[in-house]
Protein backbone atom coordinates (compact mmCIF):
# COMPACT_ATOMS: atom_id res chain seq x y z
CA MET A 1 -4.23 -6.99 -21.66
CA LEU A 2 -1.37 -4.60 -20.36
CA GLN A 3 -1.73 -3.01 -24.04
CA GLN A 4 -5.36 -2.94 -23.60
CA MET A 5 -5.47 -1.37 -20.09
CA THR A 6 -2.45 1.20 -20.72
CA ASP A 7 -4.77 2.49 -24.30
CA GLY A 8 -7.77 2.08 -21.76
CA ALA A 9 -6.18 4.57 -19.37
CA ARG A 10 -4.46 6.68 -22.17
CA ALA A 11 -7.97 7.13 -23.59
CA ALA A 12 -9.84 7.87 -19.89
CA GLY A 13 -8.10 10.87 -20.12
CA ARG A 14 -4.38 9.91 -19.30
CA ASP A 15 -4.92 7.56 -15.86
CA GLN A 16 -8.37 6.15 -15.16
CA GLY A 17 -10.42 9.27 -15.73
CA LEU A 18 -8.28 11.84 -13.09
CA ARG A 19 -9.89 14.65 -14.34
CA ALA A 20 -11.52 14.30 -18.00
CA GLY A 21 -14.32 12.15 -16.27
CA THR A 22 -16.05 11.68 -13.17
CA LEU A 23 -14.98 10.50 -9.53
CA GLU A 24 -17.10 7.24 -9.82
CA GLU A 25 -15.18 6.95 -13.35
CA ALA A 26 -12.21 6.75 -12.25
CA ARG A 27 -13.57 4.47 -9.25
CA ALA A 28 -14.86 2.09 -11.54
CA GLY A 29 -11.41 2.10 -14.58
CA TYR A 30 -9.03 1.13 -11.81
CA GLU A 31 -11.10 -1.89 -10.44
CA MET A 32 -10.19 -3.75 -14.21
CA VAL A 33 -6.62 -3.76 -12.57
CA ALA A 34 -8.16 -6.71 -10.76
CA ALA A 35 -8.00 -8.93 -13.92
CA ALA A 36 -4.07 -8.56 -14.28
CA GLY A 37 -4.05 -10.31 -11.23
CA GLY A 38 -3.79 -13.66 -12.51
CA GLU A 39 -5.73 -16.88 -11.09
CA SER A 40 -5.82 -17.45 -7.04
CA PRO A 41 -3.58 -19.63 -5.27
CA GLU A 42 -5.25 -22.24 -3.60
CA LEU A 43 -6.61 -20.93 0.01
CA ALA A 44 -8.36 -22.47 2.93
CA LYS A 45 -10.94 -19.55 2.92
CA VAL A 46 -11.59 -15.71 2.58
CA ASP A 47 -13.40 -13.95 4.86
CA ASP A 48 -15.25 -10.58 4.77
CA GLN A 49 -15.65 -9.07 7.98
CA THR A 50 -16.22 -5.40 9.20
CA ILE A 51 -14.16 -4.50 12.18
CA PRO A 52 -14.91 -1.13 14.76
CA GLY A 53 -13.19 2.18 13.55
CA PRO A 54 -13.06 5.59 14.68
CA ALA A 55 -16.07 6.42 12.80
CA GLY A 56 -17.76 3.41 12.15
CA ALA A 57 -17.70 0.15 11.04
CA ILE A 58 -14.72 -1.04 8.50
CA PRO A 59 -14.30 -3.36 6.07
CA ILE A 60 -11.86 -6.25 6.03
CA ARG A 61 -11.70 -9.12 3.82
CA VAL A 62 -9.75 -12.14 5.67
CA TYR A 63 -7.83 -14.32 3.52
CA THR A 64 -6.60 -17.70 5.40
CA PRO A 65 -3.27 -20.09 4.06
CA VAL A 66 -4.18 -23.68 3.81
CA GLY A 67 -2.36 -25.32 6.68
CA ASP A 68 -2.71 -25.04 10.55
CA GLY A 69 -2.52 -21.84 12.53
CA PRO A 70 -2.34 -19.83 14.57
CA PHE A 71 -0.76 -17.59 11.95
CA PRO A 72 1.35 -14.64 11.59
CA VAL A 73 -0.34 -11.55 10.51
CA VAL A 74 -0.04 -9.55 7.22
CA VAL A 75 -2.47 -6.08 6.96
CA PHE A 76 -2.53 -5.10 4.00
CA PHE A 77 -3.19 -1.25 2.58
CA HIS A 78 -4.55 -1.14 -0.79
CA GLY A 79 -3.09 2.07 -3.16
CA GLY A 80 -5.36 4.65 -5.33
CA GLY A 81 -4.23 7.80 -4.01
CA PHE A 82 -6.14 7.67 -0.90
CA THR A 83 -8.94 8.35 -3.30
CA ILE A 84 -10.34 4.77 -5.47
CA GLY A 85 -9.23 1.90 -5.30
CA SER A 86 -10.40 -0.64 -2.77
CA ILE A 87 -10.36 -4.11 -1.75
CA ASP A 88 -11.90 -6.02 -4.68
CA SER A 89 -8.94 -4.03 -6.68
CA HIS A 90 -6.10 -5.47 -5.30
CA ASP A 91 -7.80 -8.42 -3.95
CA PRO A 92 -5.64 -10.88 -6.61
CA VAL A 93 -2.07 -9.32 -4.66
CA ALA A 94 -3.95 -10.36 -0.93
CA ARG A 95 -4.10 -13.88 -2.18
CA GLN A 96 -0.94 -14.12 -3.76
CA LEU A 97 0.74 -12.81 -0.80
CA CYS A 98 -1.90 -15.16 2.09
CA ALA A 99 -0.27 -17.98 -0.21
CA GLN A 100 3.46 -16.89 -0.78
CA VAL A 101 4.15 -15.85 3.30
CA GLY A 102 1.82 -18.79 4.64
CA ALA A 103 0.12 -16.01 6.98
CA VAL A 104 -3.29 -14.28 7.91
CA VAL A 105 -3.75 -11.55 5.67
CA VAL A 106 -6.10 -9.17 6.56
CA SER A 107 -6.61 -6.17 3.93
CA VAL A 108 -8.50 -3.19 4.89
CA GLY A 109 -11.05 -1.19 3.22
CA TYR A 110 -10.57 2.44 5.06
CA ARG A 111 -12.57 5.53 4.37
CA LEU A 112 -11.47 7.07 0.78
CA ALA A 113 -11.42 11.30 0.04
CA PRO A 114 -12.70 13.43 -0.94
CA GLU A 115 -16.38 11.87 0.71
CA HIS A 116 -13.04 11.32 4.08
CA LYS A 117 -10.26 13.72 3.83
CA PHE A 118 -7.38 13.37 5.88
CA PRO A 119 -6.29 11.89 7.71
CA ALA A 120 -9.33 9.46 7.80
CA ALA A 121 -7.21 6.89 6.42
CA VAL A 122 -4.49 6.96 9.07
CA ASP A 123 -7.08 7.00 11.52
CA ASP A 124 -8.96 3.82 10.16
CA ALA A 125 -5.45 2.41 9.14
CA PHE A 126 -4.04 2.48 12.85
CA ALA A 127 -7.55 1.06 14.57
CA ALA A 128 -7.78 -1.84 11.90
CA VAL A 129 -3.66 -3.18 12.71
CA GLN A 130 -4.54 -2.18 17.27
CA TRP A 131 -8.17 -4.32 17.02
CA ILE A 132 -5.95 -7.44 14.86
CA ALA A 133 -3.25 -7.26 16.85
CA ALA A 134 -5.82 -7.53 19.94
CA HIS A 135 -7.95 -9.79 18.25
CA GLY A 136 -5.77 -12.16 16.06
CA ASP A 137 -7.59 -15.02 17.82
CA GLU A 138 -10.63 -14.32 15.68
CA LEU A 139 -9.01 -14.77 12.79
CA GLY A 140 -6.75 -17.52 13.45
CA ALA A 141 -3.85 -15.82 13.68
CA ASP A 142 -0.71 -14.58 16.21
CA GLY A 143 -1.72 -10.99 16.82
CA SER A 144 1.74 -10.91 18.12
CA ARG A 145 3.63 -11.54 15.25
CA ILE A 146 2.20 -8.47 12.46
CA ALA A 147 3.50 -7.07 9.58
CA LEU A 148 2.35 -4.25 7.68
CA THR A 149 2.24 -3.98 3.42
CA GLY A 150 0.79 -2.05 0.67
CA ASP A 151 1.55 -0.34 -2.83
CA SER A 152 1.46 3.26 -3.34
CA ALA A 153 -1.11 5.51 -0.46
CA GLY A 154 -1.07 1.70 1.18
CA GLY A 155 2.80 2.27 1.17
CA ASN A 156 2.14 5.15 2.89
CA LEU A 157 -0.10 4.08 5.23
CA SER A 158 2.56 0.87 6.00
CA ALA A 159 5.33 3.20 6.62
CA VAL A 160 3.03 6.02 8.75
CA VAL A 161 1.12 3.24 10.71
CA SER A 162 4.65 1.34 11.32
CA ILE A 163 5.50 5.19 13.02
CA MET A 164 2.38 5.10 15.18
CA ALA A 165 2.52 1.88 16.23
CA ARG A 166 6.50 3.40 17.53
CA ASP A 167 5.01 5.60 19.55
CA ALA A 168 1.90 4.26 20.78
CA GLY A 169 4.25 1.52 22.59
CA GLY A 170 2.70 -0.77 20.48
CA PRO A 171 1.03 -3.19 18.50
CA ALA A 172 4.86 -4.45 17.86
CA ILE A 173 5.62 -4.14 14.07
CA ALA A 174 7.78 -6.90 12.88
CA PHE A 175 7.99 -5.65 9.16
CA GLN A 176 6.98 -3.10 6.48
CA ALA A 177 7.30 -3.47 2.95
CA LEU A 178 6.47 -0.72 1.21
CA VAL A 179 5.91 -1.21 -2.59
CA TYR A 180 6.18 2.54 -4.83
CA PRO A 181 5.10 4.37 -1.53
CA ALA A 182 3.99 7.87 -1.27
CA THR A 183 6.25 8.89 0.85
CA ASP A 184 6.00 12.98 -0.03
CA ALA A 185 2.91 14.87 -0.43
CA ARG A 186 5.11 18.83 -1.15
CA ASP A 187 4.47 19.32 -4.13
CA ASP A 188 7.78 22.02 -4.64
CA GLY A 189 10.02 19.79 -7.18
CA ALA A 190 12.25 18.65 -5.13
CA TYR A 191 12.02 15.25 -7.31
CA PRO A 192 13.46 14.26 -10.35
CA SER A 193 10.76 11.46 -11.05
CA ARG A 194 8.24 13.89 -10.85
CA VAL A 195 9.50 15.49 -14.28
CA GLU A 196 11.12 12.27 -15.23
CA ASN A 197 7.69 10.33 -15.37
CA ALA A 198 6.00 14.42 -15.55
CA ASP A 199 3.66 12.31 -18.20
CA ALA A 200 3.68 8.26 -17.27
CA VAL A 201 0.86 6.01 -18.33
CA PHE A 202 -0.48 4.67 -14.99
CA LEU A 203 -0.20 7.29 -12.70
CA ASN A 204 1.68 10.91 -13.71
CA ALA A 205 2.43 14.86 -12.39
CA ASP A 206 -1.27 16.14 -12.79
CA SER A 207 -3.50 12.74 -11.28
CA MET A 208 -0.93 13.17 -8.37
CA ARG A 209 -1.70 16.55 -7.69
CA TRP A 210 -5.64 15.52 -8.71
CA PHE A 211 -5.39 12.58 -5.96
CA TYR A 212 -4.17 15.87 -3.00
CA GLU A 213 -6.83 17.28 -4.29
CA GLN A 214 -9.11 15.06 -2.79
CA TYR A 215 -7.73 13.63 -0.15
CA GLY A 216 -6.07 16.74 1.88
CA ASN A 217 -8.33 19.61 3.41
CA SER A 218 -5.13 22.13 2.84
CA ASP A 219 -2.07 22.66 1.35
CA GLU A 220 -1.03 22.73 5.43
CA ASP A 221 -1.79 19.22 5.92
CA ARG A 222 1.55 18.72 3.12
CA THR A 223 3.33 18.91 5.30
CA ASP A 224 2.24 16.98 7.99
CA TRP A 225 4.26 13.41 9.08
CA ARG A 226 1.07 11.73 8.38
CA ALA A 227 1.03 12.81 4.88
CA SER A 228 4.65 12.90 4.19
CA PRO A 229 6.17 10.27 6.44
CA ILE A 230 9.41 11.45 4.98
CA LEU A 231 8.75 14.54 7.29
CA ALA A 232 8.49 13.12 10.60
CA PRO A 233 10.51 14.07 13.41
CA ASP A 234 12.63 10.58 14.58
CA LEU A 235 12.74 7.85 12.07
CA THR A 236 15.08 5.76 15.19
CA GLY A 237 13.71 2.91 16.18
CA LEU A 238 11.00 1.22 12.84
CA PRO A 239 10.32 -2.14 11.72
CA PRO A 240 12.88 -3.58 9.16
CA ALA A 241 11.45 -2.25 5.70
CA LEU A 242 11.83 -3.42 2.16
CA ILE A 243 10.81 -0.73 -0.24
CA ILE A 244 10.31 -1.34 -3.70
CA THR A 245 9.49 1.36 -6.58
CA ALA A 246 9.73 1.69 -10.46
CA GLU A 247 12.05 3.13 -12.88
CA TYR A 248 9.64 5.39 -14.67
CA ASP A 249 7.40 6.03 -11.21
CA VAL A 250 6.63 9.50 -10.47
CA LEU A 251 7.14 8.41 -6.69
CA ARG A 252 10.28 6.65 -7.48
CA ASP A 253 12.47 9.09 -5.76
CA GLU A 254 10.66 10.39 -2.74
CA GLY A 255 10.65 6.48 -2.05
CA GLU A 256 14.30 5.77 -2.15
CA ALA A 257 14.46 8.91 -0.69
CA TYR A 258 12.49 7.60 2.65
CA GLY A 259 14.66 4.00 2.31
CA SER A 260 17.97 6.85 2.38
CA ALA A 261 15.88 8.38 5.76
CA LEU A 262 15.15 5.39 7.67
CA GLN A 263 18.97 4.44 6.73
CA ALA A 264 20.54 7.32 7.91
CA ALA A 265 18.09 7.19 11.41
CA GLY A 266 19.91 3.75 12.07
CA ASN A 267 17.09 0.65 10.47
CA ASP A 268 17.41 -1.93 8.34
CA VAL A 269 15.97 -1.05 5.33
CA THR A 270 16.41 -2.46 1.81
CA VAL A 271 15.66 -0.67 -1.41
CA HIS A 272 14.77 -2.64 -4.86
CA ARG A 273 14.53 -0.58 -7.66
CA TYR A 274 12.62 -2.27 -10.97
CA GLU A 275 14.36 -0.90 -13.71
CA GLY A 276 11.24 -1.13 -16.81
CA MET A 277 8.59 -0.63 -14.74
CA THR A 278 6.07 2.41 -13.93
CA HIS A 279 3.50 2.27 -11.65
CA VAL A 280 1.00 -0.08 -10.67
CA PHE A 281 2.81 -3.02 -12.04
CA PHE A 282 2.82 -4.94 -8.87
CA GLN A 283 -0.24 -5.77 -9.41
CA PHE A 284 -0.36 -7.61 -12.99
CA HIS A 285 0.71 -10.53 -11.53
CA GLY A 286 -1.14 -12.35 -14.15
CA ILE A 287 0.88 -10.47 -17.29
CA LEU A 288 4.44 -9.39 -16.19
CA ASP A 289 7.32 -12.27 -14.47
CA VAL A 290 9.10 -9.27 -12.81
CA CYS A 291 5.54 -8.81 -11.18
CA GLN A 292 5.75 -12.12 -10.00
CA SER A 293 9.34 -11.93 -8.96
CA ALA A 294 8.86 -8.58 -6.95
CA THR A 295 5.98 -10.14 -5.24
CA THR A 296 7.98 -13.45 -3.98
CA GLU A 297 10.72 -10.78 -3.01
CA VAL A 298 8.12 -9.03 -0.72
CA ALA A 299 7.19 -12.01 0.18
CA GLU A 300 9.85 -14.22 2.05
CA ALA A 301 10.99 -10.60 2.92
CA ILE A 302 7.61 -10.59 4.93
CA LYS A 303 8.07 -14.45 6.17
CA ALA A 304 11.37 -14.43 6.92
CA ALA A 305 11.03 -11.77 9.49
CA LEU A 306 8.00 -13.13 10.39
CA THR A 307 9.85 -16.24 11.57
CA ALA A 308 12.59 -14.81 12.92
CA GLY A 309 13.67 -15.62 16.25
């Protein structure tokens, strides 16, 4: 199946139809990744809901593990360049994290570009975390024990919301797990991985530019720390972090650079590069054993942080 998906991505124009096709084709193509997620573990229930947001209702999907609550909470933000991806595309990932962490997982359907430009996704993400913290009891969860996680664009949102929560005096975030996060929107040639992996399958240099064309209002947004958290003026006092990167990923170096910046600011950070892997591998739970290993690493790190003390 992995080879079929790779061939399909190439046939669609190197990256799920980006530039070569329509936005609708790009979104539909990315939804195919969910098929690589494998069988669902046993969960107590899965519910679709909406919560209030800054520009209307935000859809969420709430995954509840087997057992007796209240459970801690993992807020999940899906990847997709702020433009494609959905709760459905990352449903298998959320199910695995729910079962392995033993936490309520809330997957957030934030607004997508180009219909909703930066910082719409950021505003929805932070509003969702604030609501979840205040209404945990409605979810069978303990809103005082929250971890954030997401892949790619979702990793960006997890990083940014961690900073916003610190600056706002809450909600308290116990941990952030960032899976090949996008941390620097600038296109200035600073990261060798963007050159080395410029023609990679699933995410390449051209598709990165396409995503930003959809998401950003202008080049000025690239230096806004909410788009480029590595440019945040203060990175001290942030939650412990696990950062997962992939060897053959254009985002590899900026993710690792963000880890170094967090460490330099005195935060507890673990950075783990998965050799031989490319972008999107974290969604291939039903295909790759290494994906299962990465999922377990993320789940165990989150679980340890949420149960500490």
